[in-house]
N, C-alpha and C. Protein backbone atom coordinates (compact mmCIF):
# COMPACT_ATOMS: atom_id res chain seq x y z
N MET A 1 114.17 91.12 46.12
CA MET A 1 113.03 92.09 46.21
C MET A 1 112.04 91.73 47.75
N LYS A 2 111.74 92.68 48.52
CA LYS A 2 111.30 92.79 49.44
C LYS A 2 110.18 91.93 50.16
N ARG A 3 109.66 91.06 50.68
CA ARG A 3 107.64 90.31 50.35
C ARG A 3 106.77 91.72 51.23
N PRO A 4 105.76 92.02 50.54
CA PRO A 4 105.15 92.63 51.26
C PRO A 4 104.35 92.50 52.79
N ALA A 5 103.61 94.19 53.48
CA ALA A 5 104.09 93.56 55.06
C ALA A 5 103.26 92.20 54.72
N PHE A 6 101.74 92.21 53.84
CA PHE A 6 101.08 91.68 53.67
C PHE A 6 101.30 90.07 53.64
N ALA A 7 102.44 90.33 53.03
CA ALA A 7 102.06 88.92 52.52
C ALA A 7 103.77 87.95 53.16
N GLN A 8 104.00 88.40 54.33
CA GLN A 8 105.45 88.46 55.04
C GLN A 8 105.09 86.87 55.54
N ASN A 9 104.13 86.45 55.72
CA ASN A 9 104.12 84.97 56.77
C ASN A 9 103.27 83.96 55.15
N ALA A 10 103.16 84.38 53.98
CA ALA A 10 102.52 83.44 53.09
C ALA A 10 103.82 82.48 52.29
N PRO A 11 103.48 81.70 52.00
CA PRO A 11 104.58 80.59 51.46
C PRO A 11 104.65 82.20 50.06
N VAL A 12 106.10 81.51 50.03
CA VAL A 12 106.49 81.71 48.76
C VAL A 12 106.24 80.94 47.37
N SER A 13 105.45 80.07 47.79
CA SER A 13 105.34 79.41 45.82
C SER A 13 103.86 79.92 45.63
N ARG A 14 103.06 80.06 46.88
CA ARG A 14 102.18 81.35 47.13
C ARG A 14 102.12 82.23 46.31
N LEU A 15 103.53 83.24 46.64
CA LEU A 15 103.66 84.60 46.26
C LEU A 15 104.32 84.39 44.86
N ARG A 16 104.37 83.80 44.15
CA ARG A 16 105.47 83.57 42.52
C ARG A 16 103.94 83.08 42.21
N SER A 17 102.80 82.45 42.59
CA SER A 17 101.56 82.40 41.93
C SER A 17 100.80 83.74 41.46
N LEU A 18 101.20 84.50 42.24
CA LEU A 18 100.39 85.77 41.81
C LEU A 18 100.20 86.32 40.06
N ALA A 19 99.67 87.05 40.07
CA ALA A 19 99.78 87.22 38.75
C ALA A 19 100.76 88.55 38.62
N PRO A 20 101.45 88.17 37.29
CA PRO A 20 102.53 90.30 37.42
C PRO A 20 102.24 90.93 37.30
N GLY A 21 100.94 91.61 37.12
CA GLY A 21 100.59 92.62 36.77
C GLY A 21 100.80 93.19 38.58
N TRP A 22 99.85 91.96 39.53
CA TRP A 22 99.62 92.68 40.74
C TRP A 22 100.98 92.07 41.26
N ALA A 23 101.74 91.41 41.44
CA ALA A 23 103.11 92.08 41.88
C ALA A 23 103.90 93.69 41.30
N PHE A 24 103.54 93.52 39.88
CA PHE A 24 103.88 95.50 39.82
C PHE A 24 102.82 96.83 40.72
N THR A 25 102.35 95.99 40.51
CA THR A 25 100.53 97.35 41.85
C THR A 25 101.84 96.94 42.63
N VAL A 26 102.36 95.87 43.71
CA VAL A 26 102.75 96.15 45.01
C VAL A 26 103.75 96.71 45.29
N GLU A 27 105.14 97.33 43.82
CA GLU A 27 105.95 97.38 44.25
C GLU A 27 105.63 99.02 44.01
N TRP A 28 104.49 99.52 43.48
CA TRP A 28 104.25 100.60 42.56
C TRP A 28 103.68 101.46 44.00
N VAL A 29 102.96 100.28 44.58
CA VAL A 29 102.37 100.95 45.70
C VAL A 29 103.61 101.29 46.87
N ARG A 30 104.40 100.89 46.90
CA ARG A 30 105.81 101.48 48.15
C ARG A 30 105.79 102.63 47.51
N THR A 31 106.18 103.40 46.73
CA THR A 31 106.02 104.41 46.32
C THR A 31 105.37 105.33 46.97
N PRO A 32 106.56 106.31 47.77
CA PRO A 32 105.12 107.58 48.06
C PRO A 32 104.12 108.40 47.19
N SER A 33 104.60 108.33 46.69
CA SER A 33 103.30 109.18 45.58
C SER A 33 102.16 108.56 45.34
N TRP A 34 101.90 107.00 44.84
CA TRP A 34 101.36 106.29 44.73
C TRP A 34 100.36 105.81 45.60
N PRO A 35 100.50 106.16 46.66
CA PRO A 35 99.18 104.81 47.67
C PRO A 35 97.78 106.44 47.34
N PRO A 36 98.42 107.62 47.37
CA PRO A 36 96.96 108.22 48.05
C PRO A 36 95.95 108.64 46.59
N LYS A 37 96.70 108.88 45.07
CA LYS A 37 95.99 108.45 44.25
C LYS A 37 95.53 107.32 44.74
N SER A 38 96.18 106.34 44.23
CA SER A 38 95.41 105.34 44.29
C SER A 38 93.84 105.00 45.61
N MET A 39 94.78 105.80 46.66
CA MET A 39 93.21 105.46 47.68
C MET A 39 92.10 106.54 46.71
N ALA A 40 92.74 108.25 46.04
CA ALA A 40 91.48 108.42 46.23
C ALA A 40 90.52 107.73 44.91
N GLN A 41 91.33 107.18 44.27
CA GLN A 41 90.66 106.62 43.66
C GLN A 41 88.84 105.30 43.53
N LEU A 42 90.28 104.42 44.92
CA LEU A 42 89.50 103.64 45.31
C LEU A 42 88.48 103.70 46.35
N GLU A 43 88.38 104.82 47.02
CA GLU A 43 87.27 105.64 47.81
C GLU A 43 86.44 106.06 47.34
N ALA A 44 86.36 106.77 45.96
CA ALA A 44 85.47 107.65 45.00
C ALA A 44 84.67 106.34 44.69
N ASP A 45 85.09 104.97 44.12
CA ASP A 45 84.32 103.96 44.27
C ASP A 45 83.96 102.65 45.29
N PRO A 46 83.23 102.39 45.36
CA PRO A 46 83.07 101.60 46.62
C PRO A 46 83.22 101.50 46.34
N LEU A 47 82.15 100.35 45.15
CA LEU A 47 82.49 98.77 44.62
C LEU A 47 83.59 98.53 44.12
N MET A 48 84.47 99.34 43.81
CA MET A 48 85.78 99.18 43.17
C MET A 48 86.62 98.95 44.44
N LYS A 49 85.97 99.56 46.01
CA LYS A 49 87.02 99.31 46.66
C LYS A 49 86.55 97.90 47.29
N ARG A 50 85.72 97.51 47.18
CA ARG A 50 85.44 96.23 47.29
C ARG A 50 85.86 95.25 47.13
N ASN A 51 86.19 95.58 45.50
CA ASN A 51 86.62 94.56 44.45
C ASN A 51 87.99 93.87 44.97
N HIS A 52 88.94 95.94 45.60
CA HIS A 52 89.90 95.82 45.24
C HIS A 52 90.88 96.62 46.63
N LEU A 53 90.13 95.15 47.98
CA LEU A 53 90.77 95.07 49.16
C LEU A 53 91.42 95.56 49.49
N ALA A 54 92.81 94.39 49.04
CA ALA A 54 93.99 94.26 49.54
C ALA A 54 94.91 95.50 49.27
N LEU A 55 94.74 96.30 47.81
CA LEU A 55 95.21 96.69 47.15
C LEU A 55 95.23 98.27 48.16
N TYR A 56 93.84 98.34 48.25
CA TYR A 56 93.39 99.31 49.90
C TYR A 56 94.23 99.02 50.78
N LEU A 57 94.32 97.69 51.06
CA LEU A 57 95.03 97.76 52.59
C LEU A 57 96.44 97.27 51.92
N CYS A 58 96.94 97.67 51.44
CA CYS A 58 98.43 98.11 50.57
C CYS A 58 98.99 99.07 50.82
N CYS A 59 97.39 100.23 50.05
CA CYS A 59 97.83 101.59 50.10
C CYS A 59 98.27 102.49 51.87
N LYS A 60 96.99 101.74 52.46
CA LYS A 60 96.23 102.49 53.87
C LYS A 60 97.75 101.89 54.29
N GLN A 61 98.24 100.95 53.98
CA GLN A 61 99.96 100.08 55.08
C GLN A 61 101.16 100.82 54.35
N SER A 62 101.20 100.99 53.39
CA SER A 62 102.40 101.71 52.96
C SER A 62 102.28 103.02 53.21
N LEU A 63 101.37 104.05 53.52
CA LEU A 63 100.98 105.61 53.64
C LEU A 63 101.35 105.31 55.28
N ARG A 64 101.23 104.41 56.24
CA ARG A 64 101.43 104.54 57.21
C ARG A 64 103.07 103.93 57.83
N THR A 65 103.62 102.93 56.59
CA THR A 65 105.14 102.45 57.46
C THR A 65 105.81 104.30 56.18
N HIS A 66 104.94 105.03 55.28
CA HIS A 66 106.01 106.38 54.79
C HIS A 66 106.49 107.27 56.32
N LYS A 67 104.73 107.36 56.71
CA LYS A 67 104.70 108.92 57.63
C LYS A 67 105.74 107.84 59.29
N ALA A 68 105.73 106.51 59.38
CA ALA A 68 106.44 106.11 60.66
C ALA A 68 107.60 106.82 60.21
N THR A 69 108.71 106.10 58.81
CA THR A 69 109.46 106.35 58.52
C THR A 69 109.91 107.99 58.56
N ALA A 70 109.28 108.57 57.41
CA ALA A 70 109.83 110.25 57.99
C ALA A 70 109.75 110.18 59.52
N ALA A 71 108.75 110.06 60.09
CA ALA A 71 109.05 110.48 62.12
C ALA A 71 110.27 110.27 62.21
N ARG A 72 110.51 108.96 62.02
CA ARG A 72 111.80 108.28 62.71
C ARG A 72 112.79 108.80 61.64
N ASN A 73 113.12 109.49 60.36
CA ASN A 73 114.38 110.24 60.14
C ASN A 73 114.24 111.62 60.26
N ARG A 74 112.96 112.04 61.08
CA ARG A 74 113.47 113.09 61.34
C ARG A 74 113.40 112.95 63.04
N ARG A 75 113.61 111.91 63.74
CA ARG A 75 113.81 112.35 64.94
C ARG A 75 115.53 112.14 65.14
N ILE A 76 115.21 110.99 63.73
CA ILE A 76 117.26 110.68 63.86
C ILE A 76 118.18 112.14 63.24
N GLY A 77 117.59 112.55 62.70
CA GLY A 77 118.10 114.16 62.34
C GLY A 77 117.71 115.14 63.44
N GLN A 78 117.01 115.35 64.13
CA GLN A 78 116.89 116.26 65.22
C GLN A 78 118.41 115.74 66.20
N PHE A 79 118.14 114.02 66.68
CA PHE A 79 119.56 114.12 67.21
C PHE A 79 120.65 114.42 67.18
N VAL A 80 121.00 113.95 65.60
CA VAL A 80 122.11 114.24 64.38
C VAL A 80 122.59 115.44 65.07
N ARG A 81 121.56 116.36 64.67
CA ARG A 81 121.48 118.09 64.95
C ARG A 81 122.35 118.26 66.14
N TRP A 82 121.62 117.41 67.39
CA TRP A 82 121.63 118.01 68.65
C TRP A 82 123.43 117.30 69.00
N LEU A 83 123.59 116.07 68.76
CA LEU A 83 124.79 115.76 68.59
C LEU A 83 125.83 116.60 68.04
N PHE A 84 125.94 116.75 67.25
CA PHE A 84 127.10 117.35 66.57
C PHE A 84 126.87 119.03 66.76
N HIS A 85 125.98 119.87 67.13
CA HIS A 85 125.81 120.96 67.59
C HIS A 85 126.49 121.01 68.90
N GLY A 86 126.44 119.90 70.35
CA GLY A 86 127.28 119.60 71.33
C GLY A 86 128.90 118.99 71.12
N ALA A 87 128.89 118.34 70.25
CA ALA A 87 130.08 118.57 69.50
C ALA A 87 131.22 119.20 69.33
N PHE A 88 130.75 120.06 68.54
CA PHE A 88 131.58 120.85 67.77
C PHE A 88 131.72 122.11 67.71
N VAL A 89 129.91 122.69 67.54
CA VAL A 89 129.89 124.16 67.59
C VAL A 89 129.51 124.72 68.97
N ALA A 90 128.84 123.89 70.05
CA ALA A 90 129.15 124.38 71.88
C ALA A 90 130.17 125.24 72.36
N PRO A 91 131.85 123.70 71.81
CA PRO A 91 132.57 123.95 71.80
C PRO A 91 133.39 125.69 71.69
N ALA A 92 133.22 125.36 70.41
CA ALA A 92 133.88 126.55 69.15
C ALA A 92 133.26 128.20 69.62
N LEU A 93 131.78 127.64 70.36
CA LEU A 93 131.24 129.23 70.65
C LEU A 93 131.98 129.78 71.51
N ALA A 94 132.36 128.86 73.31
CA ALA A 94 132.94 128.29 74.37
C ALA A 94 134.01 128.98 74.06
N ILE A 95 135.21 128.03 72.93
CA ILE A 95 136.54 128.36 72.80
C ILE A 95 136.15 130.57 72.18
N ARG A 96 135.65 130.90 71.25
CA ARG A 96 135.40 132.21 70.99
C ARG A 96 135.29 133.24 72.04
N GLN A 97 134.23 132.77 73.20
CA GLN A 97 133.94 133.33 73.82
C GLN A 97 134.54 133.51 75.06
N MET A 98 135.80 132.07 75.50
CA MET A 98 137.00 132.40 76.54
C MET A 98 138.36 133.80 75.74
N LEU A 99 138.04 133.26 74.50
CA LEU A 99 139.34 134.16 73.84
C LEU A 99 138.78 135.73 74.15
N ARG A 100 137.57 136.21 73.45
CA ARG A 100 137.39 136.61 73.87
C ARG A 100 137.93 137.50 74.94
N GLN A 101 137.49 136.94 76.60
CA GLN A 101 137.62 137.24 77.91
C GLN A 101 139.12 137.55 77.61
N GLY A 102 139.31 136.60 77.33
CA GLY A 102 141.07 136.14 77.71
C GLY A 102 141.52 136.70 76.86
N GLY A 103 141.41 137.77 75.77
CA GLY A 103 142.54 139.15 75.61
C GLY A 103 142.13 139.65 76.92
N ASP A 104 141.53 140.35 77.66
CA ASP A 104 140.92 141.57 78.33
C ASP A 104 142.10 140.81 79.73
N ILE A 105 141.95 139.63 80.08
CA ILE A 105 142.78 139.35 81.52
C ILE A 105 145.21 139.19 80.70
N ALA A 106 144.60 139.25 79.24
CA ALA A 106 146.22 139.45 78.73
C ALA A 106 146.22 139.89 79.14
N VAL A 107 145.30 141.10 79.17
CA VAL A 107 146.39 142.57 79.20
C VAL A 107 146.46 143.28 80.22
N GLU A 108 145.79 142.79 81.06
CA GLU A 108 146.39 143.16 82.38
C GLU A 108 147.15 142.37 82.88
N CYS A 109 147.59 141.24 82.80
CA CYS A 109 148.80 140.53 83.62
C CYS A 109 150.27 140.91 83.32
N LEU A 110 150.06 141.57 81.82
CA LEU A 110 151.50 142.28 81.28
C LEU A 110 152.26 143.02 82.50
N PRO A 111 152.77 143.00 82.74
CA PRO A 111 153.66 144.00 83.60
C PRO A 111 154.34 145.37 82.61
N PRO A 112 153.88 146.08 84.09
CA PRO A 112 154.32 147.24 84.06
C PRO A 112 155.11 147.82 82.87
N THR A 113 155.04 149.15 82.50
CA THR A 113 156.21 149.26 81.03
C THR A 113 157.60 149.47 81.64
N ALA A 114 158.70 149.17 81.52
CA ALA A 114 159.69 149.82 82.00
C ALA A 114 160.31 151.08 82.45
N THR A 115 159.78 151.83 81.39
CA THR A 115 160.21 153.22 81.47
C THR A 115 158.65 154.47 81.23
N GLU A 116 158.40 155.10 82.15
CA GLU A 116 156.90 155.60 81.45
C GLU A 116 157.53 156.71 80.65
N PRO A 117 156.78 157.05 79.67
CA PRO A 117 157.96 158.29 78.90
C PRO A 117 157.11 159.60 79.16
N ALA A 118 156.72 159.73 80.19
CA ALA A 118 156.43 161.17 80.99
C ALA A 118 157.61 161.53 81.79
N ALA A 119 157.80 159.95 81.93
CA ALA A 119 159.77 160.23 83.91
C ALA A 119 160.42 160.79 82.42
N THR A 120 160.43 160.02 81.46
CA THR A 120 161.67 160.53 81.03
C THR A 120 162.01 161.68 79.95
N GLN A 121 160.94 162.19 79.62
CA GLN A 121 160.49 164.05 79.64
C GLN A 121 160.53 165.18 80.15
N VAL A 122 161.06 164.08 82.03
CA VAL A 122 161.31 165.12 83.35
C VAL A 122 162.33 165.35 83.47
N LYS A 123 163.01 164.15 82.82
CA LYS A 123 164.74 163.93 83.46
C LYS A 123 165.44 164.98 82.85
N ARG A 124 164.53 165.05 81.07
CA ARG A 124 165.76 165.52 79.77
C ARG A 124 165.54 166.76 80.34
N LEU A 125 164.13 167.35 80.55
CA LEU A 125 163.55 168.47 81.22
C LEU A 125 164.65 169.25 82.62
N LYS A 126 164.78 168.59 83.40
CA LYS A 126 165.91 168.70 84.83
C LYS A 126 166.69 169.53 84.38
N LYS A 127 167.18 168.74 83.33
CA LYS A 127 169.13 168.95 83.38
C LYS A 127 169.00 170.31 82.06
N ALA A 128 167.58 170.66 81.85
CA ALA A 128 167.92 172.26 80.62
C ALA A 128 168.26 172.90 81.35
N PRO A 129 169.14 174.09 81.11
CA PRO A 129 169.12 175.33 81.73
C PRO A 129 167.56 176.11 82.20
N GLU A 130 167.16 176.42 81.65
CA GLU A 130 166.22 177.23 82.00
C GLU A 130 164.69 176.18 83.53
N PHE A 131 164.65 175.23 82.76
CA PHE A 131 163.93 174.35 83.63
C PHE A 131 165.18 174.49 84.47
N ALA A 132 166.30 174.22 84.89
CA ALA A 132 166.82 173.61 86.40
C ALA A 132 166.90 174.78 87.09
N GLN A 133 167.31 176.43 86.68
CA GLN A 133 166.98 177.12 86.86
C GLN A 133 165.50 177.54 87.58
N ALA A 134 164.84 176.96 87.18
CA ALA A 134 163.32 177.17 87.88
C ALA A 134 162.63 176.17 89.07
N GLN A 135 163.66 175.37 88.69
CA GLN A 135 163.32 174.34 89.74
C GLN A 135 164.19 174.71 91.24
N SER A 136 165.53 175.06 90.84
CA SER A 136 165.66 175.55 91.80
C SER A 136 165.31 176.28 92.95
N SER A 137 164.97 177.75 92.18
CA SER A 137 164.24 178.61 92.84
C SER A 137 162.83 177.89 93.16
N PHE A 138 161.96 177.21 92.94
CA PHE A 138 160.82 176.86 93.44
C PHE A 138 161.00 176.14 94.52
N GLU A 139 162.17 175.15 94.68
CA GLU A 139 162.69 174.61 96.04
C GLU A 139 163.21 175.70 97.04
N ALA A 140 163.96 176.62 96.98
CA ALA A 140 164.08 177.49 97.73
C ALA A 140 162.79 178.50 98.80
N GLN A 141 161.49 178.45 97.37
CA GLN A 141 160.69 178.98 97.82
C GLN A 141 159.78 178.00 98.82
N ALA A 142 159.90 177.42 98.34
CA ALA A 142 158.78 176.00 99.07
C ALA A 142 158.58 176.01 100.81
N PRO A 143 158.40 176.19 102.00
CA PRO A 143 159.09 175.46 103.43
C PRO A 143 159.68 174.36 103.61
N ALA A 144 159.52 174.83 104.59
CA ALA A 144 160.48 173.18 105.17
C ALA A 144 159.25 172.91 105.33
N PRO A 145 159.77 171.01 105.64
CA PRO A 145 158.74 170.52 106.00
C PRO A 145 158.29 170.29 107.80
N LYS A 146 157.73 170.31 108.22
CA LYS A 146 157.51 170.70 109.88
C LYS A 146 157.55 169.00 110.38
N ASP A 147 157.46 168.79 111.54
CA ASP A 147 157.49 167.87 111.62
C ASP A 147 155.49 167.50 112.76
N THR A 148 154.95 168.83 113.08
CA THR A 148 154.31 168.73 113.51
C THR A 148 152.69 167.86 112.73
N PRO A 149 151.73 167.03 113.94
CA PRO A 149 150.92 166.55 112.62
C PRO A 149 149.94 166.79 112.22
N SER A 150 149.41 165.93 110.88
CA SER A 150 147.98 166.65 110.29
C SER A 150 147.00 167.11 111.00
N ALA A 151 146.07 167.42 110.71
CA ALA A 151 145.19 167.81 110.97
C ALA A 151 143.75 166.88 111.03
N THR A 152 144.49 165.65 110.09
CA THR A 152 143.38 164.33 110.15
C THR A 152 144.16 163.57 110.66
N SER A 153 145.59 163.17 111.37
CA SER A 153 145.89 162.54 112.19
C SER A 153 145.48 163.04 113.76
N GLY A 154 145.65 161.74 114.02
CA GLY A 154 145.56 161.98 115.96
C GLY A 154 146.61 161.33 116.58
N GLU A 155 147.66 161.13 115.91
CA GLU A 155 148.86 160.94 116.75
C GLU A 155 150.04 161.95 117.21
N PRO A 156 150.59 162.64 118.11
CA PRO A 156 151.27 163.84 118.70
C PRO A 156 152.78 163.94 117.41
N SER A 157 153.16 164.79 117.64
CA SER A 157 154.15 164.34 116.72
C SER A 157 154.91 164.07 117.70
N LYS A 158 156.48 164.16 117.63
CA LYS A 158 157.69 163.01 117.58
C LYS A 158 158.02 164.09 119.31
N SER A 159 157.95 165.60 118.73
CA SER A 159 158.71 166.35 119.37
C SER A 159 157.92 167.03 120.09
N ASN A 160 156.12 166.35 120.77
CA ASN A 160 155.45 166.80 121.64
C ASN A 160 154.77 165.41 122.46
N ALA A 161 155.61 164.09 122.31
CA ALA A 161 155.26 162.99 122.69
C ALA A 161 156.26 163.32 123.33
N VAL A 162 157.82 163.74 122.97
CA VAL A 162 159.09 163.39 124.11
C VAL A 162 158.27 164.43 126.06
N SER A 163 157.87 165.91 124.83
CA SER A 163 157.83 166.90 126.10
C SER A 163 156.80 166.56 126.95
N GLN A 164 155.74 165.56 126.62
CA GLN A 164 154.87 165.22 127.33
C GLN A 164 155.04 164.14 128.43
N THR A 165 156.01 163.24 128.25
CA THR A 165 156.77 162.28 128.77
C THR A 165 157.27 163.13 129.98
N ALA A 166 158.45 163.81 129.46
CA ALA A 166 159.71 164.57 130.99
C ALA A 166 158.87 165.13 131.63
């Protein structure tokens, strides 16, 4: 049995001489539900408070201890939540975000497809007789490429460059 705060320095023989009722009172004063009730009764009657001052002081001490313990437990709980969030939740969120962005990056890193579906269709259609005939007539109608510079290019063509130097 832990000794109450007011009896920490008292000799053991003196504590043993306490009445059995007082020892019971000291025990129930430690529970958080009894001290407010006892203090309310003692504060209601000033004579009773003066006669049982030790009980009143034990109740006040018990309330202070309970309040300090609750505050300490809240701080410890807050630290543990912060620690577990940093150790488990934050890395999981970071991995999820990286995987979400990594999927886009992985698709961009894939090599291009070996065969374009439209290219194979064009090759197949070129071999078909009706499209082969249309292709040959189109090539016959197309003008021959000229060796002149385009309107956007400022360089002279090869034939003009030779005639200017000669």
